[in-house]
Every structure is written in structure tokens, then in C-alpha cells.
Amino acid sequence: MGLLDNVKKTLGIGDKDHGEKDHSASATPVAAPDPVQVDQTAVRQAAEDAAAVEAASSTRNAAEAAAAQATHNQEAADVAGAQAARQVEADIDGAQQAQEAQEGAPEGSAGRSSGARRVTEVVVEPGDTMSGIAAQFGVDLGVLIASNSDTVPNPDHLYPGQVLRLP
């Protein structure tokens, strides 16, 4: 019930009969309401109404603040996600470039520093031959055989895992 409804009820006006009087045989005199009591009731109801409005306003403000915080958190998460995605892409690109560089490097040079340094050793892979290794690294076959004569007694028999020195 609102403030005006309470005042009307207390004053006895605005009944549902819309001003129609009860014409029954027993008419009981109605005492006039005490103005002091009406004022106290109205003040109490007004205070209750004001407290309810204050509580609703406080709840609404809290909900708006929570929504703003959630929006801020979502934006921060979106930015962090985009940064993480860019980092993953950069990592993938770097790995692909490293793999391409490794694939373009001569066989057996894995683990060696690429750059200005020259490959000085080669690890024999399955199917490698002395002539193939000499051609791959641009060295003379005879010099390659001579450089490895102490560790490779028969140049026609290489074994995977053997290490050959390049001249």
C-alpha cells in the first residue's frame, strides 16, 4: 500500500463503493479519525517507503557496478586472449622457420651451430655413402677417406651413428 492509500484509508475516503453510502437501517455514527494518529501513520509509512526506495536504489547501483566490472573483466580477458594468440602464432612461426632452416642444412649437421661456422663433423645416417657425403659437403672423396682412415677402415662400409670428420 502506498502513502496516499494509507492516508485515504485512515481518513475513510476513497472506499471501493466510490462514494455510495450504506443505506441500511442501522446507521452507526463514525467517529472522526484523530489527526495526530493520522499524521504518525503517514510519517511511519513515508519512512518505510523511503527506506524501500533507498534499498532498491542501492541494489540497482550494486547491480550496475557488478555489470560494469564484468564488462571490464571480459575486455581484459579478450585482450589477454588476443595477446596469447599472437604469441602462439609467433612461436609457431619461429618453430617453422627453425625447422625450415634445419631441413635446409646439410645432413648430419643437426645440433651444430649454423651461421659462419663450417660443419666439421657429420653423423652417418642410414643409406649414407662416403661419395654421397663428399658430394653433399663439396669435399674431395679421397681427402674425406684419408681424413677418416683411423676410424673408418673400409670406406665402403659405413654404419649409422658413425662420426666422420670433414676436411
N, C-alpha and C. Protein backbone atom coordinates (compact mmCIF):
# COMPACT_ATOMS: atom_id res chain seq x y z
N MET A 1 0.83 -1.17 0.00
CA MET A 1 0.00 0.00 0.00
C MET A 1 0.88 1.24 0.00
N GLY A 2 0.48 2.22 -0.75
CA GLY A 2 1.25 3.43 -0.81
C GLY A 2 0.84 4.43 0.25
N LEU A 3 1.57 5.50 0.31
CA LEU A 3 1.34 6.54 1.30
C LEU A 3 -0.07 7.13 1.15
N LEU A 4 -0.44 7.45 -0.08
CA LEU A 4 -1.76 8.05 -0.29
C LEU A 4 -2.88 7.08 0.05
N ASP A 5 -2.68 5.81 -0.28
CA ASP A 5 -3.70 4.82 0.05
C ASP A 5 -3.89 4.72 1.55
N ASN A 6 -2.79 4.76 2.30
CA ASN A 6 -2.88 4.69 3.76
C ASN A 6 -3.61 5.91 4.31
N VAL A 7 -3.28 7.08 3.76
CA VAL A 7 -3.93 8.31 4.23
C VAL A 7 -5.42 8.25 3.92
N LYS A 8 -5.78 7.83 2.70
CA LYS A 8 -7.19 7.74 2.33
C LYS A 8 -7.92 6.74 3.21
N LYS A 9 -7.27 5.61 3.48
CA LYS A 9 -7.90 4.59 4.30
C LYS A 9 -8.12 5.11 5.71
N THR A 10 -7.10 5.79 6.23
CA THR A 10 -7.20 6.32 7.59
C THR A 10 -8.28 7.40 7.67
N LEU A 11 -8.36 8.22 6.66
CA LEU A 11 -9.37 9.28 6.65
C LEU A 11 -10.74 8.78 6.26
N GLY A 12 -10.81 7.58 5.72
CA GLY A 12 -12.09 6.99 5.34
C GLY A 12 -12.61 7.49 4.03
N ILE A 13 -11.73 7.96 3.19
CA ILE A 13 -12.18 8.43 1.87
C ILE A 13 -11.62 7.50 0.81
N GLY A 14 -12.30 7.50 -0.31
CA GLY A 14 -11.83 6.69 -1.42
C GLY A 14 -12.14 5.22 -1.26
N ASP A 15 -13.20 4.86 -0.55
CA ASP A 15 -13.59 3.46 -0.40
C ASP A 15 -13.99 2.90 -1.75
N LYS A 16 -14.11 1.62 -1.79
CA LYS A 16 -14.43 0.95 -3.05
C LYS A 16 -15.85 1.21 -3.53
N ASP A 17 -16.67 1.75 -2.69
CA ASP A 17 -18.04 1.99 -3.11
C ASP A 17 -18.17 3.30 -3.88
N HIS A 18 -17.04 3.99 -4.08
CA HIS A 18 -16.96 5.21 -4.88
C HIS A 18 -17.98 6.25 -4.43
N GLY A 19 -18.07 6.44 -3.15
CA GLY A 19 -18.91 7.50 -2.63
C GLY A 19 -20.33 7.08 -2.33
N GLU A 20 -20.71 5.89 -2.66
CA GLU A 20 -22.06 5.44 -2.36
C GLU A 20 -22.14 5.16 -0.88
N LYS A 21 -23.21 5.62 -0.27
CA LYS A 21 -23.37 5.45 1.16
C LYS A 21 -24.18 4.21 1.43
N ASP A 22 -23.90 3.64 2.57
CA ASP A 22 -24.65 2.46 3.00
C ASP A 22 -26.00 2.94 3.53
N HIS A 23 -27.08 2.54 2.93
CA HIS A 23 -28.43 2.98 3.31
C HIS A 23 -29.13 1.93 4.13
N SER A 24 -28.39 1.13 4.86
CA SER A 24 -29.02 0.11 5.68
C SER A 24 -29.73 0.76 6.86
N ALA A 25 -30.55 0.01 7.51
CA ALA A 25 -31.39 0.53 8.59
C ALA A 25 -30.58 0.92 9.80
N SER A 26 -29.49 0.20 10.07
CA SER A 26 -28.71 0.54 11.26
C SER A 26 -27.57 1.44 10.87
N ALA A 27 -27.67 2.67 11.16
CA ALA A 27 -26.62 3.62 10.85
C ALA A 27 -25.84 3.87 12.11
N THR A 28 -24.58 3.50 12.07
CA THR A 28 -23.72 3.70 13.22
C THR A 28 -22.91 4.95 12.96
N PRO A 29 -22.88 5.85 13.89
CA PRO A 29 -22.09 7.05 13.67
C PRO A 29 -20.61 6.70 13.60
N VAL A 30 -19.90 7.30 12.68
CA VAL A 30 -18.48 7.06 12.51
C VAL A 30 -17.74 8.19 13.18
N ALA A 31 -16.79 7.79 14.03
CA ALA A 31 -16.02 8.80 14.74
C ALA A 31 -14.96 9.37 13.83
N ALA A 32 -14.69 10.60 13.91
CA ALA A 32 -13.67 11.24 13.10
C ALA A 32 -12.31 10.75 13.55
N PRO A 33 -11.41 10.49 12.59
CA PRO A 33 -10.09 10.00 12.98
C PRO A 33 -9.30 11.08 13.70
N ASP A 34 -8.44 10.60 14.58
CA ASP A 34 -7.58 11.50 15.34
C ASP A 34 -6.50 12.04 14.41
N PRO A 35 -6.38 13.37 14.19
CA PRO A 35 -5.40 13.91 13.25
C PRO A 35 -3.97 13.59 13.65
N VAL A 36 -3.68 13.48 14.93
CA VAL A 36 -2.32 13.16 15.38
C VAL A 36 -1.97 11.74 14.98
N GLN A 37 -2.91 10.81 15.14
CA GLN A 37 -2.68 9.41 14.76
C GLN A 37 -2.50 9.30 13.25
N VAL A 38 -3.29 10.03 12.48
CA VAL A 38 -3.18 10.01 11.03
C VAL A 38 -1.80 10.50 10.62
N ASP A 39 -1.32 11.57 11.24
CA ASP A 39 -0.01 12.09 10.90
C ASP A 39 1.10 11.10 11.23
N GLN A 40 1.01 10.41 12.37
CA GLN A 40 2.04 9.44 12.76
C GLN A 40 2.04 8.24 11.81
N THR A 41 0.88 7.80 11.43
CA THR A 41 0.79 6.68 10.49
C THR A 41 1.37 7.08 9.14
N ALA A 42 1.04 8.27 8.70
CA ALA A 42 1.55 8.74 7.41
C ALA A 42 3.06 8.91 7.46
N VAL A 43 3.58 9.41 8.56
CA VAL A 43 5.02 9.59 8.70
C VAL A 43 5.71 8.24 8.71
N ARG A 44 5.15 7.28 9.45
CA ARG A 44 5.75 5.94 9.51
C ARG A 44 5.75 5.29 8.13
N GLN A 45 4.62 5.40 7.41
CA GLN A 45 4.53 4.82 6.07
C GLN A 45 5.50 5.52 5.11
N ALA A 46 5.63 6.82 5.24
CA ALA A 46 6.56 7.55 4.38
C ALA A 46 7.99 7.12 4.64
N ALA A 47 8.32 6.90 5.91
CA ALA A 47 9.67 6.44 6.24
C ALA A 47 9.91 5.04 5.69
N GLU A 48 8.91 4.17 5.79
CA GLU A 48 9.05 2.81 5.23
C GLU A 48 9.22 2.86 3.72
N ASP A 49 8.41 3.73 3.08
CA ASP A 49 8.52 3.87 1.62
C ASP A 49 9.89 4.40 1.21
N ALA A 50 10.39 5.39 1.96
CA ALA A 50 11.71 5.95 1.65
C ALA A 50 12.81 4.91 1.83
N ALA A 51 12.68 4.08 2.89
CA ALA A 51 13.67 3.03 3.11
C ALA A 51 13.63 2.00 1.99
N ALA A 52 12.43 1.67 1.50
CA ALA A 52 12.30 0.71 0.40
C ALA A 52 12.91 1.27 -0.88
N VAL A 53 12.66 2.57 -1.13
CA VAL A 53 13.24 3.20 -2.32
C VAL A 53 14.76 3.21 -2.22
N GLU A 54 15.27 3.53 -1.04
CA GLU A 54 16.72 3.55 -0.82
C GLU A 54 17.33 2.17 -1.04
N ALA A 55 16.68 1.13 -0.53
CA ALA A 55 17.18 -0.24 -0.70
C ALA A 55 17.17 -0.64 -2.17
N ALA A 56 16.10 -0.30 -2.89
CA ALA A 56 16.02 -0.64 -4.31
C ALA A 56 17.09 0.10 -5.10
N SER A 57 17.31 1.37 -4.75
CA SER A 57 18.34 2.16 -5.44
C SER A 57 19.73 1.59 -5.17
N SER A 58 19.96 1.19 -3.92
CA SER A 58 21.25 0.61 -3.56
C SER A 58 21.49 -0.70 -4.31
N THR A 59 20.45 -1.53 -4.39
CA THR A 59 20.56 -2.80 -5.11
C THR A 59 20.82 -2.56 -6.60
N ARG A 60 20.13 -1.58 -7.17
CA ARG A 60 20.33 -1.27 -8.58
C ARG A 60 21.75 -0.78 -8.84
N ASN A 61 22.23 0.11 -7.95
CA ASN A 61 23.59 0.62 -8.11
C ASN A 61 24.62 -0.50 -8.00
N ALA A 62 24.39 -1.42 -7.07
CA ALA A 62 25.31 -2.55 -6.92
C ALA A 62 25.28 -3.43 -8.17
N ALA A 63 24.09 -3.64 -8.72
CA ALA A 63 23.98 -4.47 -9.94
C ALA A 63 24.67 -3.79 -11.11
N GLU A 64 24.52 -2.46 -11.23
CA GLU A 64 25.17 -1.74 -12.32
C GLU A 64 26.69 -1.79 -12.16
N ALA A 65 27.17 -1.67 -10.93
CA ALA A 65 28.62 -1.74 -10.69
C ALA A 65 29.15 -3.13 -11.02
N ALA A 66 28.39 -4.16 -10.65
CA ALA A 66 28.82 -5.53 -10.96
C ALA A 66 28.84 -5.76 -12.47
N ALA A 67 27.85 -5.23 -13.17
CA ALA A 67 27.83 -5.37 -14.63
C ALA A 67 29.00 -4.64 -15.28
N ALA A 68 29.32 -3.46 -14.77
CA ALA A 68 30.46 -2.71 -15.30
C ALA A 68 31.77 -3.46 -15.04
N GLN A 69 31.90 -4.05 -13.86
CA GLN A 69 33.11 -4.82 -13.53
C GLN A 69 33.21 -6.05 -14.43
N ALA A 70 32.08 -6.72 -14.66
CA ALA A 70 32.09 -7.91 -15.53
C ALA A 70 32.49 -7.53 -16.95
N THR A 71 31.99 -6.39 -17.42
CA THR A 71 32.36 -5.92 -18.76
C THR A 71 33.85 -5.63 -18.83
N HIS A 72 34.37 -4.97 -17.80
CA HIS A 72 35.80 -4.67 -17.75
C HIS A 72 36.62 -5.96 -17.74
N ASN A 73 36.21 -6.92 -16.93
CA ASN A 73 36.93 -8.20 -16.85
C ASN A 73 36.90 -8.92 -18.19
N GLN A 74 35.76 -8.88 -18.89
CA GLN A 74 35.66 -9.55 -20.19
C GLN A 74 36.58 -8.88 -21.20
N GLU A 75 36.62 -7.54 -21.18
CA GLU A 75 37.51 -6.83 -22.10
C GLU A 75 38.97 -7.17 -21.82
N ALA A 76 39.33 -7.25 -20.53
CA ALA A 76 40.71 -7.61 -20.18
C ALA A 76 41.02 -9.04 -20.63
N ALA A 77 40.05 -9.93 -20.46
CA ALA A 77 40.26 -11.32 -20.90
C ALA A 77 40.39 -11.40 -22.42
N ASP A 78 39.61 -10.60 -23.14
CA ASP A 78 39.71 -10.58 -24.60
C ASP A 78 41.09 -10.09 -25.05
N VAL A 79 41.59 -9.05 -24.39
CA VAL A 79 42.92 -8.52 -24.74
C VAL A 79 43.99 -9.57 -24.44
N ALA A 80 43.89 -10.20 -23.26
CA ALA A 80 44.87 -11.23 -22.90
C ALA A 80 44.81 -12.41 -23.86
N GLY A 81 43.61 -12.80 -24.27
CA GLY A 81 43.46 -13.89 -25.22
C GLY A 81 44.07 -13.56 -26.57
N ALA A 82 43.87 -12.31 -27.01
CA ALA A 82 44.45 -11.90 -28.29
C ALA A 82 45.98 -11.89 -28.22
N GLN A 83 46.51 -11.43 -27.09
CA GLN A 83 47.97 -11.43 -26.92
C GLN A 83 48.51 -12.85 -26.89
N ALA A 84 47.81 -13.74 -26.21
CA ALA A 84 48.25 -15.13 -26.16
C ALA A 84 48.21 -15.76 -27.55
N ALA A 85 47.17 -15.45 -28.31
CA ALA A 85 47.06 -16.00 -29.66
C ALA A 85 48.20 -15.49 -30.54
N ARG A 86 48.53 -14.18 -30.41
CA ARG A 86 49.65 -13.65 -31.19
C ARG A 86 50.96 -14.31 -30.79
N GLN A 87 51.13 -14.57 -29.48
CA GLN A 87 52.36 -15.22 -29.02
C GLN A 87 52.46 -16.64 -29.56
N VAL A 88 51.34 -17.36 -29.55
CA VAL A 88 51.33 -18.73 -30.08
C VAL A 88 51.68 -18.71 -31.56
N GLU A 89 51.09 -17.75 -32.30
CA GLU A 89 51.41 -17.64 -33.73
C GLU A 89 52.89 -17.36 -33.94
N ALA A 90 53.44 -16.47 -33.10
CA ALA A 90 54.87 -16.14 -33.22
C ALA A 90 55.72 -17.36 -32.90
N ASP A 91 55.32 -18.12 -31.87
CA ASP A 91 56.07 -19.33 -31.52
C ASP A 91 56.01 -20.35 -32.65
N ILE A 92 54.83 -20.50 -33.24
CA ILE A 92 54.69 -21.46 -34.35
C ILE A 92 55.53 -21.01 -35.53
N ASP A 93 55.46 -19.70 -35.86
CA ASP A 93 56.26 -19.19 -36.97
C ASP A 93 57.75 -19.41 -36.72
N GLY A 94 58.19 -19.14 -35.47
CA GLY A 94 59.60 -19.34 -35.13
C GLY A 94 60.00 -20.80 -35.25
N ALA A 95 59.12 -21.70 -34.79
CA ALA A 95 59.42 -23.14 -34.88
C ALA A 95 59.48 -23.58 -36.35
N GLN A 96 58.55 -23.05 -37.16
CA GLN A 96 58.55 -23.41 -38.58
C GLN A 96 59.82 -22.90 -39.26
N GLN A 97 60.24 -21.69 -38.93
CA GLN A 97 61.45 -21.15 -39.53
C GLN A 97 62.67 -21.95 -39.10
N ALA A 98 62.70 -22.34 -37.82
CA ALA A 98 63.83 -23.15 -37.35
C ALA A 98 63.84 -24.51 -38.05
N GLN A 99 62.64 -25.08 -38.22
CA GLN A 99 62.56 -26.38 -38.90
C GLN A 99 62.98 -26.26 -40.36
N GLU A 100 62.53 -25.19 -41.02
CA GLU A 100 62.92 -24.98 -42.41
C GLU A 100 64.43 -24.77 -42.53
N ALA A 101 65.00 -24.05 -41.58
CA ALA A 101 66.44 -23.84 -41.60
C ALA A 101 67.17 -25.15 -41.37
N GLN A 102 66.64 -25.98 -40.47
CA GLN A 102 67.26 -27.28 -40.19
C GLN A 102 67.14 -28.19 -41.40
N GLU A 103 65.98 -28.16 -42.06
CA GLU A 103 65.80 -29.01 -43.23
C GLU A 103 66.69 -28.56 -44.38
N GLY A 104 66.96 -27.27 -44.44
CA GLY A 104 67.82 -26.75 -45.50
C GLY A 104 69.29 -26.98 -45.19
N ALA A 105 69.62 -27.32 -43.93
CA ALA A 105 71.02 -27.54 -43.55
C ALA A 105 71.47 -28.91 -44.06
N PRO A 106 72.75 -29.08 -44.26
CA PRO A 106 73.26 -30.37 -44.72
C PRO A 106 72.97 -31.47 -43.70
N GLU A 107 72.76 -32.66 -44.21
CA GLU A 107 72.51 -33.81 -43.33
C GLU A 107 73.66 -34.00 -42.38
N GLY A 108 73.31 -34.41 -41.16
CA GLY A 108 74.34 -34.70 -40.18
C GLY A 108 74.80 -33.47 -39.43
N SER A 109 74.31 -32.31 -39.79
CA SER A 109 74.76 -31.12 -39.09
C SER A 109 73.81 -30.73 -37.97
N ALA A 110 72.86 -31.58 -37.67
CA ALA A 110 71.90 -31.26 -36.60
C ALA A 110 72.65 -31.04 -35.31
N GLY A 111 72.23 -30.05 -34.56
CA GLY A 111 72.89 -29.77 -33.29
C GLY A 111 74.11 -28.90 -33.46
N ARG A 112 74.51 -28.61 -34.63
CA ARG A 112 75.67 -27.76 -34.86
C ARG A 112 75.18 -26.33 -35.02
N SER A 113 76.00 -25.43 -34.69
CA SER A 113 75.65 -24.02 -34.83
C SER A 113 75.68 -23.65 -36.29
N SER A 114 74.56 -23.09 -36.79
CA SER A 114 74.59 -22.62 -38.17
C SER A 114 75.04 -21.18 -38.15
N GLY A 115 75.45 -20.66 -39.20
CA GLY A 115 75.99 -19.31 -39.23
C GLY A 115 77.31 -19.35 -39.96
N ALA A 116 78.28 -18.62 -39.48
CA ALA A 116 79.58 -18.53 -40.14
C ALA A 116 80.43 -19.79 -39.93
N ARG A 117 80.10 -20.58 -38.92
CA ARG A 117 80.93 -21.76 -38.66
C ARG A 117 80.69 -22.83 -39.71
N ARG A 118 81.75 -23.49 -40.08
CA ARG A 118 81.70 -24.55 -41.07
C ARG A 118 81.48 -25.88 -40.37
N VAL A 119 80.72 -26.77 -41.02
CA VAL A 119 80.48 -28.10 -40.46
C VAL A 119 81.79 -28.87 -40.51
N THR A 120 82.19 -29.45 -39.37
CA THR A 120 83.45 -30.19 -39.33
C THR A 120 83.24 -31.67 -39.10
N GLU A 121 82.05 -32.06 -38.67
CA GLU A 121 81.75 -33.47 -38.45
C GLU A 121 80.37 -33.78 -38.99
N VAL A 122 80.21 -35.04 -39.40
CA VAL A 122 78.93 -35.50 -39.92
C VAL A 122 78.62 -36.83 -39.26
N VAL A 123 77.36 -36.97 -38.81
CA VAL A 123 76.92 -38.25 -38.26
C VAL A 123 76.30 -39.03 -39.41
N VAL A 124 76.77 -40.24 -39.60
CA VAL A 124 76.30 -41.08 -40.70
C VAL A 124 74.86 -41.50 -40.44
N GLU A 125 74.02 -41.32 -41.46
CA GLU A 125 72.60 -41.72 -41.40
C GLU A 125 72.45 -43.00 -42.24
N PRO A 126 71.37 -43.75 -42.02
CA PRO A 126 71.16 -44.96 -42.84
C PRO A 126 71.13 -44.59 -44.32
N GLY A 127 71.85 -45.33 -45.13
CA GLY A 127 71.90 -45.12 -46.58
C GLY A 127 73.00 -44.17 -47.03
N ASP A 128 73.70 -43.52 -46.09
CA ASP A 128 74.79 -42.62 -46.47
C ASP A 128 75.98 -43.41 -47.02
N THR A 129 76.68 -42.80 -47.96
CA THR A 129 77.92 -43.37 -48.50
C THR A 129 78.98 -42.28 -48.45
N MET A 130 80.24 -42.69 -48.51
CA MET A 130 81.34 -41.72 -48.50
C MET A 130 81.23 -40.78 -49.69
N SER A 131 80.93 -41.33 -50.87
CA SER A 131 80.85 -40.48 -52.06
C SER A 131 79.67 -39.51 -51.95
N GLY A 132 78.57 -39.97 -51.39
CA GLY A 132 77.39 -39.09 -51.21
C GLY A 132 77.70 -37.97 -50.23
N ILE A 133 78.37 -38.29 -49.12
CA ILE A 133 78.72 -37.27 -48.13
C ILE A 133 79.71 -36.27 -48.72
N ALA A 134 80.71 -36.78 -49.48
CA ALA A 134 81.69 -35.90 -50.12
C ALA A 134 81.00 -34.93 -51.08
N ALA A 135 80.05 -35.43 -51.86
CA ALA A 135 79.33 -34.59 -52.81
C ALA A 135 78.44 -33.58 -52.07
N GLN A 136 77.79 -34.03 -51.00
CA GLN A 136 76.88 -33.17 -50.25
C GLN A 136 77.61 -31.99 -49.63
N PHE A 137 78.81 -32.22 -49.12
CA PHE A 137 79.54 -31.15 -48.44
C PHE A 137 80.61 -30.50 -49.33
N GLY A 138 80.69 -30.96 -50.57
CA GLY A 138 81.62 -30.34 -51.51
C GLY A 138 83.09 -30.58 -51.19
N VAL A 139 83.41 -31.78 -50.75
CA VAL A 139 84.81 -32.11 -50.46
C VAL A 139 85.25 -33.23 -51.39
N ASP A 140 86.52 -33.34 -51.54
CA ASP A 140 87.09 -34.40 -52.38
C ASP A 140 86.92 -35.73 -51.67
N LEU A 141 86.49 -36.77 -52.41
CA LEU A 141 86.26 -38.09 -51.84
C LEU A 141 87.55 -38.67 -51.27
N GLY A 142 88.63 -38.55 -51.97
CA GLY A 142 89.91 -39.10 -51.49
C GLY A 142 90.36 -38.42 -50.20
N VAL A 143 90.18 -37.12 -50.12
CA VAL A 143 90.59 -36.39 -48.91
C VAL A 143 89.68 -36.80 -47.75
N LEU A 144 88.39 -37.02 -48.01
CA LEU A 144 87.45 -37.45 -46.96
C LEU A 144 87.84 -38.83 -46.44
N ILE A 145 88.18 -39.74 -47.34
CA ILE A 145 88.58 -41.09 -46.93
C ILE A 145 89.87 -41.01 -46.11
N ALA A 146 90.82 -40.22 -46.56
CA ALA A 146 92.10 -40.10 -45.85
C ALA A 146 91.90 -39.47 -44.47
N SER A 147 90.99 -38.50 -44.36
CA SER A 147 90.76 -37.83 -43.07
C SER A 147 90.13 -38.77 -42.05
N ASN A 148 89.47 -39.82 -42.51
CA ASN A 148 88.78 -40.72 -41.59
C ASN A 148 89.36 -42.13 -41.60
N SER A 149 90.56 -42.31 -42.12
CA SER A 149 91.15 -43.65 -42.23
C SER A 149 91.37 -44.30 -40.86
N ASP A 150 91.57 -43.50 -39.81
CA ASP A 150 91.81 -44.09 -38.49
C ASP A 150 90.52 -44.64 -37.87
N THR A 151 89.35 -44.11 -38.23
CA THR A 151 88.09 -44.58 -37.64
C THR A 151 87.23 -45.37 -38.62
N VAL A 152 87.51 -45.25 -39.93
CA VAL A 152 86.74 -45.99 -40.93
C VAL A 152 87.71 -46.83 -41.74
N PRO A 153 87.95 -48.10 -41.30
CA PRO A 153 88.92 -48.93 -42.02
C PRO A 153 88.47 -49.26 -43.44
N ASN A 154 87.18 -49.43 -43.68
CA ASN A 154 86.70 -49.76 -45.01
C ASN A 154 85.68 -48.70 -45.43
N PRO A 155 86.04 -47.78 -46.34
CA PRO A 155 85.14 -46.70 -46.73
C PRO A 155 83.85 -47.18 -47.41
N ASP A 156 83.81 -48.43 -47.82
CA ASP A 156 82.59 -48.96 -48.45
C ASP A 156 81.58 -49.46 -47.41
N HIS A 157 81.96 -49.49 -46.16
CA HIS A 157 81.08 -49.98 -45.10
C HIS A 157 80.94 -48.92 -44.00
N LEU A 158 79.90 -48.10 -44.15
CA LEU A 158 79.59 -47.10 -43.12
C LEU A 158 78.41 -47.60 -42.30
N TYR A 159 78.39 -47.19 -41.05
CA TYR A 159 77.32 -47.62 -40.15
C TYR A 159 76.62 -46.38 -39.59
N PRO A 160 75.30 -46.41 -39.49
CA PRO A 160 74.56 -45.27 -38.93
C PRO A 160 75.09 -44.97 -37.54
N GLY A 161 75.30 -43.68 -37.27
CA GLY A 161 75.82 -43.26 -35.98
C GLY A 161 77.31 -42.97 -35.98
N GLN A 162 78.04 -43.47 -36.99
CA GLN A 162 79.46 -43.17 -37.08
C GLN A 162 79.63 -41.66 -37.29
N VAL A 163 80.73 -41.14 -36.77
CA VAL A 163 81.02 -39.71 -36.93
C VAL A 163 82.20 -39.59 -37.89
N LEU A 164 81.99 -38.85 -38.97
CA LEU A 164 83.05 -38.61 -39.95
C LEU A 164 83.53 -37.18 -39.82
N ARG A 165 84.86 -37.00 -39.89
CA ARG A 165 85.46 -35.67 -39.87
C ARG A 165 85.51 -35.15 -41.32
N LEU A 166 85.10 -33.91 -41.50
CA LEU A 166 85.20 -33.33 -42.84
C LEU A 166 86.49 -32.54 -42.92
N PRO A 167 87.18 -32.67 -44.06
CA PRO A 167 88.45 -31.95 -44.21
C PRO A 167 88.22 -30.45 -44.38
